PDB file of N, CA and C in Angstrom:
ATOM      1  N   MET A   1      -0.586   3.801  18.823  1.00  0.00           N
ATOM      2  CA  MET A   1      -1.835   3.112  18.589  1.00  0.00           C
ATOM      3  C   MET A   1      -1.945   1.917  19.518  1.00  0.00           C
ATOM      4  N   TRP A   2      -1.003   0.971  19.492  1.00  0.00           N
ATOM      5  CA  TRP A   2      -1.046  -0.151  20.410  1.00  0.00           C
ATOM      6  C   TRP A   2       0.018   0.075  21.452  1.00  0.00           C
ATOM      7  N   ARG A   3      -0.226  -0.466  22.632  1.00  0.00           N
ATOM      8  CA  ARG A   3       0.668  -0.197  23.744  1.00  0.00           C
ATOM      9  C   ARG A   3       1.739  -1.264  23.867  1.00  0.00           C
ATOM     10  N   GLY A   4       2.735  -0.933  24.660  1.00  0.00           N
ATOM     11  CA  GLY A   4       3.782  -1.904  24.934  1.00  0.00           C
ATOM     12  C   GLY A   4       4.828  -1.936  23.848  1.00  0.00           C
ATOM     13  N   GLU A   5       5.488  -3.080  23.767  1.00  0.00           N
ATOM     14  CA  GLU A   5       6.540  -3.249  22.784  1.00  0.00           C
ATOM     15  C   GLU A   5       5.971  -3.281  21.370  1.00  0.00           C
ATOM     16  N   ALA A   6       6.851  -3.122  20.423  1.00  0.00           N
ATOM     17  CA  ALA A   6       6.431  -3.215  19.017  1.00  0.00           C
ATOM     18  C   ALA A   6       5.866  -4.608  18.771  1.00  0.00           C
ATOM     19  N   PRO A   7       4.884  -4.730  17.909  1.00  0.00           N
ATOM     20  CA  PRO A   7       4.296  -6.046  17.651  1.00  0.00           C
ATOM     21  C   PRO A   7       5.343  -6.996  17.073  1.00  0.00           C
ATOM     22  N   ARG A   8       5.196  -8.261  17.450  1.00  0.00           N
ATOM     23  CA  ARG A   8       6.142  -9.252  16.932  1.00  0.00           C
ATOM     24  C   ARG A   8       5.999  -9.389  15.428  1.00  0.00           C
ATOM     25  N   ARG A   9       4.771  -9.583  14.974  1.00  0.00           N
ATOM     26  CA  ARG A   9       4.540  -9.754  13.544  1.00  0.00           C
ATOM     27  C   ARG A   9       3.212  -9.098  13.172  1.00  0.00           C
ATOM     28  N   ILE A  10       3.110  -8.701  11.898  1.00  0.00           N
ATOM     29  CA  ILE A  10       1.896  -8.064  11.397  1.00  0.00           C
ATOM     30  C   ILE A  10       1.456  -8.825  10.159  1.00  0.00           C
ATOM     31  N   PHE A  11       0.229  -9.338  10.200  1.00  0.00           N
ATOM     32  CA  PHE A  11      -0.313 -10.116   9.099  1.00  0.00           C
ATOM     33  C   PHE A  11      -1.503  -9.393   8.497  1.00  0.00           C
ATOM     34  N   ALA A  12      -1.563  -9.332   7.186  1.00  0.00           N
ATOM     35  CA  ALA A  12      -2.672  -8.672   6.497  1.00  0.00           C
ATOM     36  C   ALA A  12      -3.418  -9.689   5.652  1.00  0.00           C
ATOM     37  N   TYR A  13      -4.742  -9.619   5.737  1.00  0.00           N
ATOM     38  CA  TYR A  13      -5.618 -10.403   4.879  1.00  0.00           C
ATOM     39  C   TYR A  13      -6.245  -9.407   3.931  1.00  0.00           C
ATOM     40  N   THR A  14      -5.860  -9.461   2.656  1.00  0.00           N
ATOM     41  CA  THR A  14      -6.232  -8.412   1.711  1.00  0.00           C
ATOM     42  C   THR A  14      -7.528  -8.679   0.959  1.00  0.00           C
ATOM     43  N   GLN A  15      -8.146  -9.830   1.197  1.00  0.00           N
ATOM     44  CA  GLN A  15      -9.441 -10.103   0.574  1.00  0.00           C
ATOM     45  C   GLN A  15     -10.509  -9.287   1.290  1.00  0.00           C
ATOM     46  N   PRO A  16     -11.554  -8.856   0.600  1.00  0.00           N
ATOM     47  CA  PRO A  16     -12.595  -8.062   1.253  1.00  0.00           C
ATOM     48  C   PRO A  16     -13.196  -8.793   2.450  1.00  0.00           C
ATOM     49  N   THR A  17     -13.287  -8.074   3.561  1.00  0.00           N
ATOM     50  CA  THR A  17     -13.809  -8.615   4.813  1.00  0.00           C
ATOM     51  C   THR A  17     -15.046  -7.827   5.210  1.00  0.00           C
ATOM     52  N   ASP A  18     -16.033  -8.511   5.717  1.00  0.00           N
ATOM     53  CA  ASP A  18     -17.254  -7.872   6.208  1.00  0.00           C
ATOM     54  C   ASP A  18     -16.902  -7.071   7.458  1.00  0.00           C
ATOM     55  N   MET A  19     -16.966  -5.761   7.374  1.00  0.00           N
ATOM     56  CA  MET A  19     -16.571  -4.905   8.482  1.00  0.00           C
ATOM     57  C   MET A  19     -17.596  -4.856   9.608  1.00  0.00           C
ATOM     58  N   ARG A  20     -18.703  -5.577   9.466  1.00  0.00           N
ATOM     59  CA  ARG A  20     -19.630  -5.703  10.589  1.00  0.00           C
ATOM     60  C   ARG A  20     -19.097  -6.682  11.624  1.00  0.00           C
ATOM     61  N   LYS A  21     -18.073  -7.453  11.232  1.00  0.00           N
ATOM     62  CA  LYS A  21     -17.472  -8.404  12.171  1.00  0.00           C
ATOM     63  C   LYS A  21     -16.770  -7.636  13.286  1.00  0.00           C
ATOM     64  N   SER A  22     -16.912  -8.164  14.480  1.00  0.00           N
ATOM     65  CA  SER A  22     -16.220  -7.583  15.622  1.00  0.00           C
ATOM     66  C   SER A  22     -15.209  -8.605  16.128  1.00  0.00           C
ATOM     67  N   PHE A  23     -14.946  -8.627  17.411  1.00  0.00           N
ATOM     68  CA  PHE A  23     -13.911  -9.475  17.981  1.00  0.00           C
ATOM     69  C   PHE A  23     -14.055 -10.947  17.576  1.00  0.00           C
ATOM     70  N   GLN A  24     -15.183 -11.554  17.864  1.00  0.00           N
ATOM     71  CA  GLN A  24     -15.360 -12.981  17.627  1.00  0.00           C
ATOM     72  C   GLN A  24     -15.300 -13.334  16.148  1.00  0.00           C
ATOM     73  N   GLY A  25     -15.929 -12.532  15.308  1.00  0.00           N
ATOM     74  CA  GLY A  25     -15.923 -12.797  13.874  1.00  0.00           C
ATOM     75  C   GLY A  25     -14.536 -12.691  13.268  1.00  0.00           C
ATOM     76  N   LEU A  26     -13.777 -11.666  13.674  1.00  0.00           N
ATOM     77  CA  LEU A  26     -12.416 -11.506  13.162  1.00  0.00           C
ATOM     78  C   LEU A  26     -11.481 -12.562  13.742  1.00  0.00           C
ATOM     79  N   LEU A  27     -11.687 -12.934  14.997  1.00  0.00           N
ATOM     80  CA  LEU A  27     -10.887 -13.995  15.606  1.00  0.00           C
ATOM     81  C   LEU A  27     -11.106 -15.315  14.866  1.00  0.00           C
ATOM     82  N   ALA A  28     -12.342 -15.615  14.517  1.00  0.00           N
ATOM     83  CA  ALA A  28     -12.635 -16.831  13.753  1.00  0.00           C
ATOM     84  C   ALA A  28     -11.946 -16.780  12.386  1.00  0.00           C
ATOM     85  N   LEU A  29     -11.919 -15.611  11.762  1.00  0.00           N
ATOM     86  CA  LEU A  29     -11.252 -15.449  10.473  1.00  0.00           C
ATOM     87  C   LEU A  29      -9.743 -15.654  10.611  1.00  0.00           C
ATOM     88  N   VAL A  30      -9.150 -15.132  11.681  1.00  0.00           N
ATOM     89  CA  VAL A  30      -7.717 -15.324  11.939  1.00  0.00           C
ATOM     90  C   VAL A  30      -7.413 -16.812  12.062  1.00  0.00           C
ATOM     91  N   GLN A  31      -8.226 -17.520  12.820  1.00  0.00           N
ATOM     92  CA  GLN A  31      -7.982 -18.943  13.039  1.00  0.00           C
ATOM     93  C   GLN A  31      -8.182 -19.761  11.763  1.00  0.00           C
ATOM     94  N   ARG A  32      -9.054 -19.317  10.882  1.00  0.00           N
ATOM     95  CA  ARG A  32      -9.323 -20.041   9.648  1.00  0.00           C
ATOM     96  C   ARG A  32      -8.289 -19.737   8.562  1.00  0.00           C
ATOM     97  N   VAL A  33      -7.856 -18.478   8.463  1.00  0.00           N
ATOM     98  CA  VAL A  33      -7.003 -18.041   7.359  1.00  0.00           C
ATOM     99  C   VAL A  33      -5.511 -18.170   7.683  1.00  0.00           C
ATOM    100  N   PHE A  34      -5.124 -17.766   8.875  1.00  0.00           N
ATOM    101  CA  PHE A  34      -3.709 -17.760   9.243  1.00  0.00           C
ATOM    102  C   PHE A  34      -3.378 -18.980  10.094  1.00  0.00           C
ATOM    103  N   THR A  35      -2.156 -19.421  10.034  1.00  0.00           N
ATOM    104  CA  THR A  35      -1.722 -20.524  10.887  1.00  0.00           C
ATOM    105  C   THR A  35      -1.018 -19.998  12.133  1.00  0.00           C
ATOM    106  N   GLU A  36      -1.226 -18.751  12.442  1.00  0.00           N
ATOM    107  CA  GLU A  36      -0.578 -18.100  13.578  1.00  0.00           C
ATOM    108  C   GLU A  36      -1.477 -18.134  14.811  1.00  0.00           C
ATOM    109  N   ASP A  37      -0.856 -18.075  15.971  1.00  0.00           N
ATOM    110  CA  ASP A  37      -1.575 -18.034  17.237  1.00  0.00           C
ATOM    111  C   ASP A  37      -2.105 -16.616  17.457  1.00  0.00           C
ATOM    112  N   PRO A  38      -3.430 -16.436  17.570  1.00  0.00           N
ATOM    113  CA  PRO A  38      -3.961 -15.082  17.757  1.00  0.00           C
ATOM    114  C   PRO A  38      -3.575 -14.458  19.100  1.00  0.00           C
ATOM    115  N   TYR A  39      -3.093 -15.273  20.044  1.00  0.00           N
ATOM    116  CA  TYR A  39      -2.684 -14.773  21.355  1.00  0.00           C
ATOM    117  C   TYR A  39      -1.197 -14.442  21.423  1.00  0.00           C
ATOM    118  N   SER A  40      -0.525 -14.439  20.294  1.00  0.00           N
ATOM    119  CA  SER A  40       0.924 -14.230  20.252  1.00  0.00           C
ATOM    120  C   SER A  40       1.341 -12.766  20.379  1.00  0.00           C
ATOM    121  N   GLY A  41       0.401 -11.858  20.263  1.00  0.00           N
ATOM    122  CA  GLY A  41       0.744 -10.437  20.261  1.00  0.00           C
ATOM    123  C   GLY A  41       0.883  -9.875  18.854  1.00  0.00           C
ATOM    124  N   SER A  42       0.715 -10.726  17.855  1.00  0.00           N
ATOM    125  CA  SER A  42       0.768 -10.262  16.466  1.00  0.00           C
ATOM    126  C   SER A  42      -0.460  -9.417  16.149  1.00  0.00           C
ATOM    127  N   LEU A  43      -0.332  -8.583  15.128  1.00  0.00           N
ATOM    128  CA  LEU A  43      -1.453  -7.781  14.659  1.00  0.00           C
ATOM    129  C   LEU A  43      -2.016  -8.435  13.403  1.00  0.00           C
ATOM    130  N   PHE A  44      -3.341  -8.384  13.265  1.00  0.00           N
ATOM    131  CA  PHE A  44      -4.016  -8.953  12.103  1.00  0.00           C
ATOM    132  C   PHE A  44      -4.847  -7.849  11.462  1.00  0.00           C
ATOM    133  N   VAL A  45      -4.551  -7.551  10.204  1.00  0.00           N
ATOM    134  CA  VAL A  45      -5.145  -6.420   9.491  1.00  0.00           C
ATOM    135  C   VAL A  45      -6.157  -6.945   8.469  1.00  0.00           C
ATOM    136  N   PHE A  46      -7.336  -6.299   8.437  1.00  0.00           N
ATOM    137  CA  PHE A  46      -8.405  -6.662   7.506  1.00  0.00           C
ATOM    138  C   PHE A  46      -8.900  -5.408   6.810  1.00  0.00           C
ATOM    139  N   VAL A  47      -9.341  -5.560   5.557  1.00  0.00           N
ATOM    140  CA  VAL A  47      -9.794  -4.421   4.759  1.00  0.00           C
ATOM    141  C   VAL A  47     -11.185  -4.711   4.190  1.00  0.00           C
ATOM    142  N   ASN A  48     -11.972  -3.660   3.989  1.00  0.00           N
ATOM    143  CA  ASN A  48     -13.313  -3.849   3.410  1.00  0.00           C
ATOM    144  C   ASN A  48     -13.247  -3.926   1.885  1.00  0.00           C
ATOM    145  N   ARG A  49     -14.389  -4.148   1.257  1.00  0.00           N
ATOM    146  CA  ARG A  49     -14.459  -4.330  -0.191  1.00  0.00           C
ATOM    147  C   ARG A  49     -14.015  -3.078  -0.946  1.00  0.00           C
ATOM    148  N   ARG A  50     -14.382  -1.908  -0.476  1.00  0.00           N
ATOM    149  CA  ARG A  50     -14.004  -0.665  -1.165  1.00  0.00           C
ATOM    150  C   ARG A  50     -12.549  -0.278  -0.934  1.00  0.00           C
ATOM    151  N   GLY A  51     -11.945  -0.861   0.099  1.00  0.00           N
ATOM    152  CA  GLY A  51     -10.543  -0.565   0.382  1.00  0.00           C
ATOM    153  C   GLY A  51     -10.309   0.719   1.140  1.00  0.00           C
ATOM    154  N   ASN A  52     -11.376   1.292   1.700  1.00  0.00           N
ATOM    155  CA  ASN A  52     -11.202   2.559   2.422  1.00  0.00           C
ATOM    156  C   ASN A  52     -11.343   2.407   3.941  1.00  0.00           C
ATOM    157  N   TYR A  53     -11.448   1.168   4.424  1.00  0.00           N
ATOM    158  CA  TYR A  53     -11.665   0.923   5.848  1.00  0.00           C
ATOM    159  C   TYR A  53     -10.866  -0.293   6.275  1.00  0.00           C
ATOM    160  N   VAL A  54     -10.066  -0.166   7.332  1.00  0.00           N
ATOM    161  CA  VAL A  54      -9.324  -1.301   7.868  1.00  0.00           C
ATOM    162  C   VAL A  54      -9.651  -1.488   9.334  1.00  0.00           C
ATOM    163  N   LYS A  55      -9.545  -2.740   9.768  1.00  0.00           N
ATOM    164  CA  LYS A  55      -9.622  -3.091  11.177  1.00  0.00           C
ATOM    165  C   LYS A  55      -8.390  -3.903  11.511  1.00  0.00           C
ATOM    166  N   ILE A  56      -7.863  -3.686  12.723  1.00  0.00           N
ATOM    167  CA  ILE A  56      -6.689  -4.405  13.195  1.00  0.00           C
ATOM    168  C   ILE A  56      -7.056  -5.073  14.514  1.00  0.00           C
ATOM    169  N   LEU A  57      -6.850  -6.374  14.576  1.00  0.00           N
ATOM    170  CA  LEU A  57      -7.136  -7.159  15.776  1.00  0.00           C
ATOM    171  C   LEU A  57      -5.812  -7.512  16.437  1.00  0.00           C
ATOM    172  N   ALA A  58      -5.727  -7.294  17.757  1.00  0.00           N
ATOM    173  CA  ALA A  58      -4.483  -7.575  18.481  1.00  0.00           C
ATOM    174  C   ALA A  58      -4.798  -8.059  19.887  1.00  0.00           C
ATOM    175  N   TRP A  59      -3.978  -8.979  20.379  1.00  0.00           N
ATOM    176  CA  TRP A  59      -4.045  -9.438  21.768  1.00  0.00           C
ATOM    177  C   TRP A  59      -3.055  -8.603  22.559  1.00  0.00           C
ATOM    178  N   ASP A  60      -3.487  -8.023  23.692  1.00  0.00           N
ATOM    179  CA  ASP A  60      -2.578  -7.160  24.455  1.00  0.00           C
ATOM    180  C   ASP A  60      -2.363  -7.624  25.898  1.00  0.00           C
ATOM    181  N   ARG A  61      -2.269  -8.894  26.156  1.00  0.00           N
ATOM    182  CA  ARG A  61      -2.009  -9.534  27.449  1.00  0.00           C
ATOM    183  C   ARG A  61      -3.254  -9.704  28.300  1.00  0.00           C
ATOM    184  N   THR A  62      -4.240  -8.830  28.184  1.00  0.00           N
ATOM    185  CA  THR A  62      -5.438  -8.941  29.032  1.00  0.00           C
ATOM    186  C   THR A  62      -6.713  -9.134  28.215  1.00  0.00           C
ATOM    187  N   GLY A  63      -6.612  -9.034  26.918  1.00  0.00           N
ATOM    188  CA  GLY A  63      -7.775  -9.190  26.059  1.00  0.00           C
ATOM    189  C   GLY A  63      -7.468  -8.721  24.658  1.00  0.00           C
ATOM    190  N   PHE A  64      -8.443  -8.900  23.793  1.00  0.00           N
ATOM    191  CA  PHE A  64      -8.267  -8.456  22.412  1.00  0.00           C
ATOM    192  C   PHE A  64      -8.627  -6.986  22.293  1.00  0.00           C
ATOM    193  N   ALA A  65      -7.882  -6.288  21.440  1.00  0.00           N
ATOM    194  CA  ALA A  65      -8.157  -4.886  21.129  1.00  0.00           C
ATOM    195  C   ALA A  65      -8.462  -4.811  19.640  1.00  0.00           C
ATOM    196  N   LEU A  66      -9.371  -3.925  19.289  1.00  0.00           N
ATOM    197  CA  LEU A  66      -9.770  -3.763  17.898  1.00  0.00           C
ATOM    198  C   LEU A  66      -9.591  -2.297  17.519  1.00  0.00           C
ATOM    199  N   TYR A  67      -8.781  -2.051  16.500  1.00  0.00           N
ATOM    200  CA  TYR A  67      -8.525  -0.699  16.007  1.00  0.00           C
ATOM    201  C   TYR A  67      -9.137  -0.578  14.620  1.00  0.00           C
ATOM    202  N   ALA A  68      -9.631   0.592  14.301  1.00  0.00           N
ATOM    203  CA  ALA A  68     -10.249   0.800  12.993  1.00  0.00           C
ATOM    204  C   ALA A  68      -9.845   2.159  12.440  1.00  0.00           C
ATOM    205  N   LYS A  69      -9.749   2.223  11.108  1.00  0.00           N
ATOM    206  CA  LYS A  69      -9.485   3.501  10.438  1.00  0.00           C
ATOM    207  C   LYS A  69     -10.215   3.512   9.106  1.00  0.00           C
ATOM    208  N   ARG A  70     -10.867   4.634   8.818  1.00  0.00           N
ATOM    209  CA  ARG A  70     -11.549   4.829   7.546  1.00  0.00           C
ATOM    210  C   ARG A  70     -10.954   6.050   6.861  1.00  0.00           C
ATOM    211  N   LEU A  71     -10.610   5.888   5.600  1.00  0.00           N
ATOM    212  CA  LEU A  71     -10.103   7.016   4.815  1.00  0.00           C
ATOM    213  C   LEU A  71     -11.275   7.794   4.231  1.00  0.00           C
ATOM    214  N   GLU A  72     -11.207   9.083   4.263  1.00  0.00           N
ATOM    215  CA  GLU A  72     -12.242   9.921   3.673  1.00  0.00           C
ATOM    216  C   GLU A  72     -12.114   9.950   2.148  1.00  0.00           C
ATOM    217  N   ARG A  73     -10.870   9.858   1.667  1.00  0.00           N
ATOM    218  CA  ARG A  73     -10.614   9.804   0.226  1.00  0.00           C
ATOM    219  C   ARG A  73      -9.528   8.783  -0.013  1.00  0.00           C
ATOM    220  N   GLY A  74      -9.586   8.104  -1.128  1.00  0.00           N
ATOM    221  CA  GLY A  74      -8.554   7.146  -1.488  1.00  0.00           C
ATOM    222  C   GLY A  74      -8.817   5.764  -0.925  1.00  0.00           C
ATOM    223  N   ARG A  75      -7.810   4.907  -1.094  1.00  0.00           N
ATOM    224  CA  ARG A  75      -7.914   3.515  -0.669  1.00  0.00           C
ATOM    225  C   ARG A  75      -6.620   3.098   0.020  1.00  0.00           C
ATOM    226  N   PHE A  76      -6.728   2.098   0.878  1.00  0.00           N
ATOM    227  CA  PHE A  76      -5.543   1.478   1.448  1.00  0.00           C
ATOM    228  C   PHE A  76      -4.956   0.563   0.377  1.00  0.00           C
ATOM    229  N   VAL A  77      -3.665   0.685   0.107  1.00  0.00           N
ATOM    230  CA  VAL A  77      -3.014  -0.121  -0.916  1.00  0.00           C
ATOM    231  C   VAL A  77      -1.915  -0.937  -0.248  1.00  0.00           C
ATOM    232  N   PHE A  78      -2.023  -2.253  -0.376  1.00  0.00           N
ATOM    233  CA  PHE A  78      -1.048  -3.150   0.226  1.00  0.00           C
ATOM    234  C   PHE A  78       0.174  -3.272  -0.674  1.00  0.00           C
ATOM    235  N   PRO A  79       1.330  -3.648  -0.096  1.00  0.00           N
ATOM    236  CA  PRO A  79       2.568  -3.713  -0.884  1.00  0.00           C
ATOM    237  C   PRO A  79       2.517  -4.667  -2.072  1.00  0.00           C
ATOM    238  N   ASN A  80       1.766  -5.762  -1.966  1.00  0.00           N
ATOM    239  CA  ASN A  80       1.649  -6.665  -3.112  1.00  0.00           C
ATOM    240  C   ASN A  80       0.228  -7.221  -3.166  1.00  0.00           C
ATOM    241  N   SER A  81      -0.047  -8.018  -4.183  1.00  0.00           N
ATOM    242  CA  SER A  81      -1.432  -8.442  -4.407  1.00  0.00           C
ATOM    243  C   SER A  81      -1.771  -9.794  -3.791  1.00  0.00           C
ATOM    244  N   SER A  82      -0.859 -10.387  -3.030  1.00  0.00           N
ATOM    245  CA  SER A  82      -1.164 -11.694  -2.446  1.00  0.00           C
ATOM    246  C   SER A  82      -2.269 -11.578  -1.399  1.00  0.00           C
ATOM    247  N   GLU A  83      -3.032 -12.651  -1.260  1.00  0.00           N
ATOM    248  CA  GLU A  83      -4.194 -12.672  -0.359  1.00  0.00           C
ATOM    249  C   GLU A  83      -3.790 -12.492   1.099  1.00  0.00           C
ATOM    250  N   GLN A  84      -2.686 -13.109   1.484  1.00  0.00           N
ATOM    251  CA  GLN A  84      -2.154 -12.974   2.836  1.00  0.00           C
ATOM    252  C   GLN A  84      -0.729 -12.473   2.719  1.00  0.00           C
ATOM    253  N   GLN A  85      -0.365 -11.543   3.576  1.00  0.00           N
ATOM    254  CA  GLN A  85       0.996 -11.046   3.537  1.00  0.00           C
ATOM    255  C   GLN A  85       1.426 -10.571   4.904  1.00  0.00           C
ATOM    256  N   GLU A  86       2.719 -10.630   5.125  1.00  0.00           N
ATOM    257  CA  GLU A  86       3.277 -10.132   6.371  1.00  0.00           C
ATOM    258  C   GLU A  86       3.860  -8.756   6.100  1.00  0.00           C
ATOM    259  N   LEU A  87       3.554  -7.817   6.974  1.00  0.00           N
ATOM    260  CA  LEU A  87       4.005  -6.438   6.811  1.00  0.00           C
ATOM    261  C   LEU A  87       5.024  -6.092   7.886  1.00  0.00           C
ATOM    262  N   SER A  88       5.919  -5.199   7.560  1.00  0.00           N
ATOM    263  CA  SER A  88       6.797  -4.629   8.587  1.00  0.00           C
ATOM    264  C   SER A  88       5.999  -3.547   9.310  1.00  0.00           C
ATOM    265  N   GLU A  89       6.515  -3.134  10.465  1.00  0.00           N
ATOM    266  CA  GLU A  89       5.826  -2.065  11.190  1.00  0.00           C
ATOM    267  C   GLU A  89       5.815  -0.784  10.361  1.00  0.00           C
ATOM    268  N   GLN A  90       6.893  -0.506   9.660  1.00  0.00           N
ATOM    269  CA  GLN A  90       6.960   0.683   8.806  1.00  0.00           C
ATOM    270  C   GLN A  90       5.948   0.593   7.670  1.00  0.00           C
ATOM    271  N   ALA A  91       5.820  -0.586   7.060  1.00  0.00           N
ATOM    272  CA  ALA A  91       4.843  -0.757   5.978  1.00  0.00           C
ATOM    273  C   ALA A  91       3.423  -0.539   6.501  1.00  0.00           C
ATOM    274  N   LEU A  92       3.141  -1.010   7.727  1.00  0.00           N
ATOM    275  CA  LEU A  92       1.819  -0.781   8.313  1.00  0.00           C
ATOM    276  C   LEU A  92       1.581   0.705   8.542  1.00  0.00           C
ATOM    277  N   ARG A  93       2.574   1.396   9.049  1.00  0.00           N
ATOM    278  CA  ARG A  93       2.423   2.845   9.276  1.00  0.00           C
ATOM    279  C   ARG A  93       2.182   3.577   7.949  1.00  0.00           C
ATOM    280  N   PHE A  94       2.917   3.210   6.919  1.00  0.00           N
ATOM    281  CA  PHE A  94       2.700   3.809   5.597  1.00  0.00           C
ATOM    282  C   PHE A  94       1.288   3.494   5.099  1.00  0.00           C
ATOM    283  N   LEU A  95       0.877   2.243   5.237  1.00  0.00           N
ATOM    284  CA  LEU A  95      -0.462   1.837   4.819  1.00  0.00           C
ATOM    285  C   LEU A  95      -1.521   2.688   5.512  1.00  0.00           C
ATOM    286  N   LEU A  96      -1.408   2.831   6.829  1.00  0.00           N
ATOM    287  CA  LEU A  96      -2.395   3.598   7.589  1.00  0.00           C
ATOM    288  C   LEU A  96      -2.354   5.085   7.261  1.00  0.00           C
ATOM    289  N   ASP A  97      -1.207   5.568   6.810  1.00  0.00           N
ATOM    290  CA  ASP A  97      -1.083   6.975   6.411  1.00  0.00           C
ATOM    291  C   ASP A  97      -1.492   7.200   4.956  1.00  0.00           C
ATOM    292  N   GLY A  98      -1.845   6.122   4.249  1.00  0.00           N
ATOM    293  CA  GLY A  98      -2.279   6.261   2.865  1.00  0.00           C
ATOM    294  C   GLY A  98      -1.146   6.363   1.864  1.00  0.00           C
ATOM    295  N   ILE A  99       0.065   5.979   2.269  1.00  0.00           N
ATOM    296  CA  ILE A  99       1.216   6.033   1.366  1.00  0.00           C
ATOM    297  C   ILE A  99       1.300   4.714   0.620  1.00  0.00           C
ATOM    298  N   ARG A 100       1.371   4.777  -0.698  1.00  0.00           N
ATOM    299  CA  ARG A 100       1.427   3.570  -1.531  1.00  0.00           C
ATOM    300  C   ARG A 100       2.840   3.011  -1.528  1.00  0.00           C
ATOM    301  N   LEU A 101       2.935   1.698  -1.338  1.00  0.00           N
ATOM    302  CA  LEU A 101       4.222   1.008  -1.363  1.00  0.00           C
ATOM    303  C   LEU A 101       4.326   0.097  -2.567  1.00  0.00           C
ATOM    304  N   GLY A 102       5.500  -0.048  -3.104  1.00  0.00           N
ATOM    305  CA  GLY A 102       5.737  -1.011  -4.165  1.00  0.00           C
ATOM    306  C   GLY A 102       5.117  -0.655  -5.507  1.00  0.00           C
ATOM    307  N   ILE A 103       4.726   0.585  -5.683  1.00  0.00           N
ATOM    308  CA  ILE A 103       4.117   1.000  -6.937  1.00  0.00           C
ATOM    309  C   ILE A 103       5.056   1.996  -7.614  1.00  0.00           C
ATOM    310  N   LYS A 104       5.474   1.660  -8.813  1.00  0.00           N
ATOM    311  CA  LYS A 104       6.353   2.559  -9.543  1.00  0.00           C
ATOM    312  C   LYS A 104       5.538   3.676 -10.170  1.00  0.00           C
ATOM    313  N   ARG A 105       6.033   4.866 -10.036  1.00  0.00           N
ATOM    314  CA  ARG A 105       5.349   6.026 -10.616  1.00  0.00           C
ATOM    315  C   ARG A 105       6.058   6.425 -11.898  1.00  0.00           C
ATOM    316  N   LYS A 106       5.294   6.924 -12.848  1.00  0.00           N
ATOM    317  CA  LYS A 106       5.880   7.418 -14.092  1.00  0.00           C
ATOM    318  C   LYS A 106       6.585   8.744 -13.834  1.00  0.00           C
ATOM    319  N   SER A 107       7.759   8.898 -14.402  1.00  0.00           N
ATOM    320  CA  SER A 107       8.434  10.180 -14.264  1.00  0.00           C
ATOM    321  C   SER A 107       7.908  11.162 -15.294  1.00  0.00           C
ATOM    322  N   VAL A 108       7.918  12.402 -14.904  1.00  0.00           N
ATOM    323  CA  VAL A 108       7.354  13.459 -15.766  1.00  0.00           C
ATOM    324  C   VAL A 108       8.434  14.099 -16.561  1.00  0.00           C
TER     325      VAL A 108
END
C-alpha cells in the first residue's frame, strides 16, 4: 500500500471524521489532535461515523499520500475504545482486512 520502509508509527483517530476532508482538512486534524509531526513518515488513520470507511494520510518524502478503503459489509473495529491510539503495522493490516482485535468471543 505505501512505498518504502515500514512506517515509523501509526496513529488512529477513532472519533467520527468527515470523509469529505481531503489532504488539507486531514492535515489540519492531525495538527490539532496529535502532537506528532505530520512530515515524520507516520501514518494517520481516520474513520467515518458508520465505521465502514477509513482514510490514511501519510508523508512519503515528496508529498502527502491519501489512501482510502470502504467495507461493503461490516465495520472497522479498533483494538480499544480510546479516542487516539497507536497501532502496530500488524494491527493496521488486521484492521484493514476486517479482523477484530482485542474482542473476546464466546466459546460454543
